[in-house]
Protein backbone atom coordinates (compact mmCIF):
# COMPACT_ATOMS: atom_id res chain seq x y z
CA MET A 1 226.95 -75.06 319.75
CA ASP A 2 228.10 -77.93 321.92
CA THR A 3 225.44 -77.80 324.64
CA ALA A 4 221.79 -77.05 323.87
CA PRO A 5 220.28 -77.70 320.43
CA THR A 6 219.78 -74.63 318.31
CA PRO A 7 216.08 -73.79 317.77
CA PHE A 8 214.04 -76.07 315.57
CA ARG A 9 212.56 -73.87 312.87
CA PHE A 10 210.79 -75.69 310.10
CA ASP A 11 209.22 -74.71 306.84
CA THR A 12 206.61 -76.92 305.26
CA ASP A 13 207.67 -75.61 301.85
CA ALA A 14 211.37 -76.55 302.07
CA TRP A 15 210.73 -79.27 299.48
CA SER A 16 209.09 -76.85 297.04
CA VAL A 17 212.15 -74.81 296.08
CA ASP A 18 211.69 -73.37 292.59
CA GLU A 19 214.72 -73.85 290.35
CA SER A 20 213.52 -71.05 288.05
CA ARG A 21 214.47 -68.60 290.82
CA PHE A 22 218.14 -69.48 290.55
CA PRO A 23 220.06 -66.16 290.25
CA ALA A 24 221.87 -67.05 287.04
CA GLY A 25 223.14 -63.50 286.64
CA GLY A 26 223.96 -63.03 290.30
CA SER A 27 227.22 -63.20 292.19
CA ASN A 28 228.87 -66.44 293.16
CA ALA A 29 227.82 -65.80 296.75
CA GLU A 30 224.18 -65.44 295.71
CA ARG A 31 224.34 -68.60 293.63
CA LEU A 32 225.97 -70.59 296.42
CA GLN A 33 223.34 -69.40 298.84
CA PHE A 34 220.51 -70.41 296.51
CA CYS A 35 221.91 -73.93 296.13
CA LEU A 36 221.71 -74.40 299.90
CA ASN A 37 217.97 -74.86 299.32
CA TYR A 38 218.88 -78.29 297.98
CA ALA A 39 221.56 -79.09 300.57
CA VAL A 40 218.99 -79.05 303.39
CA LEU A 41 216.95 -81.79 301.71
CA ALA A 42 219.52 -84.43 302.71
CA PRO A 43 218.66 -87.22 305.17
CA SER A 44 219.98 -87.02 308.72
CA CYS A 45 220.04 -88.89 312.00
CA LEU A 46 216.59 -88.83 313.59
CA ASN A 47 215.93 -85.80 311.36
CA THR A 48 218.38 -83.76 313.45
CA GLN A 49 219.65 -81.89 310.35
CA PRO A 50 223.06 -81.29 311.98
CA TRP A 51 224.61 -78.91 309.47
CA PHE A 52 225.46 -75.25 309.46
CA PHE A 53 226.95 -73.10 306.70
CA ARG A 54 228.94 -69.89 306.87
CA LEU A 55 229.19 -67.62 303.84
CA THR A 56 232.17 -65.23 303.79
CA GLY A 57 232.41 -63.30 300.57
CA ALA A 58 232.18 -65.95 297.86
CA VAL A 59 233.44 -68.76 300.11
CA LEU A 60 230.98 -71.15 301.73
CA GLU A 61 232.02 -73.35 304.66
CA LEU A 62 230.16 -76.38 305.97
CA PHE A 63 230.17 -77.09 309.72
CA ALA A 64 228.71 -79.82 311.89
CA ASP A 65 226.21 -78.36 314.33
CA ARG A 66 227.21 -80.36 317.39
CA SER A 67 224.26 -79.13 319.40
CA ARG A 68 222.34 -81.62 317.26
CA ARG A 69 224.62 -84.58 317.78
CA LEU A 70 223.53 -87.83 319.44
CA PRO A 71 226.21 -88.46 322.08
CA VAL A 72 224.74 -91.80 323.16
CA ALA A 73 223.67 -93.32 319.83
CA ASP A 74 226.54 -91.72 317.91
CA PRO A 75 229.38 -91.16 320.41
CA ASP A 76 232.10 -90.77 317.77
CA GLY A 77 230.11 -88.30 315.68
CA ARG A 78 230.34 -90.61 312.67
CA ALA A 79 226.65 -90.40 311.78
CA LEU A 80 226.69 -86.63 312.25
CA VAL A 81 229.51 -86.21 309.72
CA ILE A 82 227.89 -88.67 307.30
CA ALA A 83 224.72 -86.56 307.36
CA CYS A 84 226.77 -83.43 306.64
CA GLY A 85 228.42 -85.27 303.75
CA ALA A 86 225.00 -86.03 302.29
CA ALA A 87 224.08 -82.33 302.48
CA LEU A 88 227.39 -81.47 300.83
CA PHE A 89 226.65 -83.80 297.93
CA ASN A 90 223.26 -82.16 297.38
CA LEU A 91 225.00 -78.78 297.29
CA ARG A 92 227.59 -80.00 294.78
CA CYS A 93 224.86 -81.58 292.67
CA ALA A 94 222.82 -78.38 292.58
CA LEU A 95 225.84 -76.27 291.62
CA ARG A 96 226.64 -78.62 288.75
CA TYR A 97 223.03 -78.65 287.56
CA PHE A 98 223.10 -74.87 287.27
CA GLY A 99 226.31 -75.00 285.25
CA LEU A 100 228.77 -74.06 287.99
CA GLN A 101 232.02 -75.82 288.77
CA PRO A 102 232.43 -76.27 292.55
CA ASN A 103 235.89 -76.31 294.06
CA VAL A 104 235.50 -78.35 297.25
CA THR A 105 238.18 -78.84 299.89
CA LEU A 106 237.35 -81.44 302.52
CA LEU A 107 238.48 -80.81 306.11
CA PRO A 108 240.57 -77.82 305.01
CA TRP A 109 242.07 -77.03 308.44
CA LEU A 110 242.28 -80.49 309.95
CA LYS A 111 245.67 -82.18 310.17
CA ASP A 112 246.08 -85.95 309.93
CA GLY A 113 245.24 -87.59 313.23
CA ASP A 114 243.52 -84.55 314.72
CA PRO A 115 240.16 -85.25 316.40
CA LEU A 116 237.10 -83.71 314.82
CA SER A 117 235.50 -82.47 318.02
CA SER A 118 234.83 -78.77 317.57
CA SER A 119 231.99 -77.02 315.83
CA GLU A 120 234.50 -74.36 314.81
CA VAL A 121 236.37 -76.75 312.48
CA PRO A 122 234.80 -76.64 309.00
CA LEU A 123 234.11 -79.95 307.32
CA ALA A 124 234.38 -78.46 303.85
CA ARG A 125 235.16 -75.27 302.01
CA ILE A 126 233.22 -74.62 298.79
CA GLU A 127 233.91 -72.04 296.10
CA VAL A 128 232.82 -71.60 292.49
CA SER A 129 235.82 -71.96 290.21
CA GLY A 130 234.11 -71.53 286.85
CA GLU A 131 231.21 -72.54 284.66
CA SER A 132 230.60 -75.63 282.54
CA ALA A 133 227.51 -77.45 281.32
CA SER A 134 226.20 -80.25 283.51
CA THR A 135 226.23 -83.83 282.27
CA ALA A 136 223.15 -85.98 281.74
CA ALA A 137 224.01 -88.02 284.84
CA GLU A 138 224.35 -84.86 286.95
CA ARG A 139 220.95 -83.69 285.79
CA VAL A 140 219.41 -87.04 286.68
CA LEU A 141 220.86 -86.88 290.19
CA PHE A 142 219.69 -83.31 290.70
CA GLN A 143 216.11 -84.05 289.66
CA ALA A 144 216.00 -86.85 292.24
CA ILE A 145 216.88 -84.56 295.18
CA ARG A 146 213.34 -83.25 295.64
CA ARG A 147 211.81 -86.68 295.01
CA ARG A 148 213.84 -88.54 297.62
CA ARG A 149 212.13 -89.56 300.85
CA THR A 150 212.98 -92.02 303.59
CA TYR A 151 210.38 -94.78 303.43
CA LEU A 152 209.70 -96.65 306.66
CA GLY A 153 207.26 -99.31 305.55
CA ALA A 154 207.51 -102.63 303.75
CA PHE A 155 208.77 -102.57 300.17
CA ASP A 156 207.34 -104.39 297.18
CA PRO A 157 209.10 -107.78 297.06
CA ALA A 158 210.07 -107.40 293.38
CA PRO A 159 213.85 -107.80 293.01
CA ILE A 160 216.18 -104.96 292.06
CA SER A 161 217.82 -105.47 288.67
CA GLN A 162 221.51 -106.34 288.50
CA ASN A 163 222.09 -103.41 286.15
CA LEU A 164 220.81 -100.99 288.77
CA ILE A 165 222.81 -102.69 291.52
CA ASP A 166 225.96 -102.35 289.43
CA ALA A 167 225.20 -98.68 288.79
CA MET A 168 224.60 -98.00 292.48
CA GLN A 169 227.90 -99.60 293.39
CA GLU A 170 229.63 -97.45 290.80
CA GLN A 171 228.04 -94.32 292.29
CA ALA A 172 229.46 -95.23 295.71
CA ARG A 173 232.92 -95.89 294.25
CA HIS A 174 232.83 -92.53 292.50
CA GLU A 175 232.80 -90.86 295.94
CA GLY A 176 235.50 -93.06 297.46
CA ALA A 177 233.26 -95.58 299.24
CA TRP A 178 231.96 -99.08 298.62
CA LEU A 179 228.49 -100.60 298.55
CA GLY A 180 228.15 -104.22 299.61
CA ILE A 181 225.01 -106.10 298.61
CA LEU A 182 222.93 -108.62 300.57
CA GLU A 183 219.89 -109.94 298.73
CA ASP A 184 219.84 -113.68 299.48
CA ALA A 185 217.63 -115.02 302.25
CA GLU A 186 220.56 -116.11 304.42
CA GLY A 187 222.28 -112.72 304.28
CA LYS A 188 219.07 -110.86 305.07
CA ALA A 189 218.34 -113.21 307.97
CA ASP A 190 221.80 -112.46 309.37
CA VAL A 191 221.19 -108.71 309.07
CA SER A 192 217.78 -109.15 310.69
CA ARG A 193 219.34 -110.89 313.67
CA ILE A 194 222.07 -108.26 314.04
CA VAL A 195 219.56 -105.40 313.84
CA ALA A 196 217.30 -107.02 316.43
CA GLU A 197 220.21 -107.56 318.81
CA ALA A 198 221.34 -103.97 318.36
CA ASP A 199 217.80 -102.73 319.02
CA ARG A 200 217.62 -104.70 322.23
CA PHE A 201 220.99 -103.41 323.35
CA HIS A 202 220.13 -99.76 322.69
CA LEU A 203 216.61 -99.86 324.08
CA THR A 204 217.74 -101.39 327.37
CA GLN A 205 220.05 -98.38 327.91
CA ARG A 206 218.13 -95.62 329.64
CA LYS A 207 220.40 -92.88 328.30
CA CYS A 208 219.71 -94.06 324.78
CA ARG A 209 215.95 -94.15 325.33
CA VAL A 210 216.00 -90.64 326.80
CA GLU A 211 218.01 -89.37 323.83
CA LEU A 212 215.59 -90.90 321.35
CA ALA A 213 212.63 -89.50 323.25
CA LYS A 214 214.20 -86.04 323.24
CA TRP A 215 214.58 -85.94 319.47
CA ALA A 216 211.22 -87.58 318.86
CA ARG A 217 209.67 -84.83 320.98
CA HIS A 218 211.20 -82.21 318.70
CA GLY A 219 209.86 -83.82 315.57
CA ALA A 220 206.73 -85.71 316.57
CA ARG A 221 204.29 -83.11 315.29
CA LEU A 222 206.04 -83.10 311.93
CA MET A 223 205.89 -86.83 311.30
CA PRO A 224 203.75 -87.92 308.35
CA PRO A 225 201.52 -90.97 308.82
CA MET A 226 203.60 -94.16 309.12
CA PRO A 227 202.80 -97.86 309.24
CA ALA A 228 201.90 -98.97 312.74
CA GLY A 229 204.72 -100.51 314.72
CA VAL A 230 207.58 -99.28 312.59
CA LEU A 231 210.74 -98.74 314.62
CA GLN A 232 213.77 -97.24 312.91
CA LEU A 233 216.66 -96.00 314.98
CA GLY A 234 219.34 -95.38 312.38
CA PRO A 235 221.16 -92.07 312.05
CA HIS A 236 219.52 -91.40 308.72
CA GLY A 237 216.20 -93.01 309.50
CA GLU A 238 213.23 -91.82 311.42
CA PHE A 239 210.62 -93.64 313.48
CA ALA A 240 206.86 -93.66 313.95
CA LEU A 241 206.38 -94.79 317.53
CA PRO A 242 205.35 -92.07 320.02
CA TYR A 243 208.43 -90.76 321.78
CA GLY A 244 207.18 -91.96 325.14
CA ALA A 245 207.40 -95.53 323.84
CA PHE A 246 211.18 -95.32 323.90
CA LEU A 247 211.04 -95.19 327.68
CA ASP A 248 209.76 -98.79 327.66
CA SER A 249 212.80 -101.08 327.82
CA ALA A 250 210.68 -104.02 326.68
CA LEU A 251 210.68 -102.72 323.11
CA SER A 252 213.13 -104.61 320.97
CA GLY A 253 212.46 -103.82 317.32
CA HIS A 254 210.50 -106.91 316.27
CA ASP A 255 208.67 -105.12 313.48
CA GLU A 256 211.92 -103.70 312.20
CA THR A 257 213.22 -107.25 311.92
CA ASP A 258 210.28 -108.19 309.71
CA LEU A 259 211.03 -105.22 307.46
CA VAL A 260 214.62 -106.35 307.02
CA GLU A 261 213.76 -109.86 305.92
CA SER A 262 211.03 -108.70 303.54
CA THR A 263 213.25 -106.11 301.84
CA PRO A 264 214.40 -107.12 298.34
CA LEU A 265 217.87 -105.63 298.73
CA ILE A 266 220.05 -104.64 301.69
CA GLY A 267 223.00 -102.38 300.90
CA VAL A 268 225.94 -101.89 303.24
CA LEU A 269 227.76 -98.64 302.60
CA GLY A 270 231.34 -98.56 303.82
CA ALA A 271 234.82 -97.15 303.36
CA ASP A 272 238.43 -98.31 303.44
CA GLY A 273 239.14 -96.24 306.56
CA ASP A 274 237.33 -94.90 309.61
CA THR A 275 238.53 -91.31 309.82
CA PRO A 276 236.46 -88.10 309.62
CA LEU A 277 237.50 -87.84 305.97
CA ASP A 278 236.12 -91.34 305.31
CA TRP A 279 232.88 -90.40 307.06
CA LEU A 280 232.51 -87.26 304.98
CA ARG A 281 233.15 -89.17 301.76
CA SER A 282 230.73 -91.87 302.84
CA GLY A 283 227.98 -89.30 303.35
CA GLN A 284 228.47 -88.04 299.82
CA ALA A 285 228.54 -91.61 298.51
CA LEU A 286 225.35 -92.36 300.43
CA GLN A 287 223.47 -89.49 298.88
CA ARG A 288 224.79 -90.10 295.39
CA THR A 289 223.78 -93.78 295.58
CA VAL A 290 220.34 -93.12 297.06
CA LEU A 291 219.59 -90.42 294.48
CA TRP A 292 220.63 -92.71 291.64
CA ALA A 293 218.32 -95.39 293.00
CA ARG A 294 215.48 -92.91 293.42
CA ALA A 295 215.87 -91.77 289.81
CA ALA A 296 215.28 -95.41 288.84
CA GLY A 297 212.12 -95.63 290.93
CA VAL A 298 213.74 -97.29 293.96
CA TRP A 299 213.35 -95.87 297.46
CA ALA A 300 215.62 -96.17 300.47
CA SER A 301 215.38 -96.57 304.22
CA PHE A 302 218.25 -96.63 306.68
CA LEU A 303 219.38 -99.08 309.36
CA ASN A 304 222.25 -97.89 311.48
CA GLN A 305 221.49 -99.55 314.81
CA PRO A 306 224.33 -102.08 314.33
CA ILE A 307 226.86 -99.43 313.29
CA GLY A 308 226.39 -97.49 316.51
CA HIS A 309 227.68 -100.42 318.58
CA ALA A 310 231.18 -101.83 318.11
CA ASP A 311 230.30 -105.52 318.43
CA SER A 312 227.38 -105.46 316.01
CA ARG A 313 229.33 -103.28 313.60
CA MET A 314 232.02 -105.95 313.52
CA GLN A 315 229.36 -108.57 312.77
CA VAL A 316 228.18 -106.54 309.79
CA ALA A 317 231.78 -106.24 308.56
CA HIS A 318 232.19 -110.02 308.80
CA LEU A 319 229.08 -110.62 306.67
CA LEU A 320 230.81 -108.97 303.70
CA ASP A 321 234.42 -109.54 304.70
CA ARG A 322 234.94 -105.78 304.40
CA ASN A 323 236.18 -103.30 306.96
CA TYR A 324 234.46 -100.15 308.18
CA PRO A 325 230.74 -100.41 307.33
CA MET A 326 229.13 -97.00 307.82
CA LEU A 327 225.43 -97.80 307.58
CA LEU A 328 222.90 -100.24 306.16
CA VAL A 329 220.30 -99.23 303.59
CA ARG A 330 217.08 -100.99 302.64
CA PHE A 331 216.24 -100.59 298.95
CA GLY A 332 212.93 -101.35 297.26
CA ARG A 333 209.93 -100.05 295.39
CA VAL A 334 206.95 -98.50 297.13
CA PRO A 335 203.29 -99.25 296.38
CA ALA A 336 202.03 -95.86 297.63
CA THR A 337 202.92 -92.18 297.79
CA VAL A 338 205.61 -91.33 300.33
CA PRO A 339 204.87 -88.09 302.22
CA SER A 340 207.53 -85.52 302.96
CA ARG A 341 208.30 -84.09 306.38
CA ALA A 342 208.96 -80.49 307.27
CA LEU A 343 212.59 -79.39 307.32
CA ARG A 344 214.61 -76.36 308.28
CA SER A 345 214.92 -74.09 305.28
CA ALA A 346 218.28 -72.81 304.07
CA ARG A 347 217.85 -69.45 305.79
CA TYR A 348 217.97 -71.16 309.18
CA VAL A 349 221.30 -72.92 308.58
CA ILE A 350 223.45 -70.13 307.17
CA GLY A 351 225.42 -67.37 308.85
CA ARG A 352 227.98 -64.78 307.90
């Protein structure tokens, strides 16, 4: 898995999974497998969908598919693990919705200090330990899974309520992460500057442009219509420019900068450490927070350009006086329908 990407196989109906087909009377293995239909609806870096699951008996293991990593934009594999964490949260959420109690062990075979560099090391081990009714909050989160999209355009300028901000921060804390908030003009201007600088840095590196072009080539035919000029390079965002445009080093993300400053709320998701365990928890916190926002009618878009570069990541940390930011998220309401993009269905990401 560490060399060439595994085949891109997409289903246009991945978003249309029917919950009435859940095998309530089936085995735990069958129920785990069904819930993978929701795991694959998580956001990922450049839509790489870098997860793989192995089902052995009634035990499901989550792996990072390192053939889908971004070695230039994400050299440490942080964004890759965050994406897998988001898929893991969707899986947990689906299991709880259907009345199952998941027993999840994170990094079950990894010792403290070991590098997470092999596709053969599972990120998580998931079993069903029993049954119990889901809570109202769990049902709200589940119903938002199929309604979540990454929105690349400008948001409505209406502010996000403090009650919702407080709730989103609580969702992040629930998963062992933190959510910093930037909504004043000065803070957003600082983020805008940092994002623009990071864009310029990345797009003047030929290896980075080639990597972006490669993944855009895989997904270009699947892109829904996007606002002209949008440029989003984050590990959970996508982009609308033709992939050939990334070979032009003159591009520097000017339109992205405008989107930052016009966004009503910028969230910075982070953790108290920078280990693979922190990344995995951050991915779950990301998805939990974004789903809670979506349930309240607020959409999200992702900005990770600064996090992929050490200097700009430090600048983001200084804005909030917090260590280890993992990614930036734009939050706002959308004046139009947000189209979905085709994804790999569960049957393409599971093995035995």
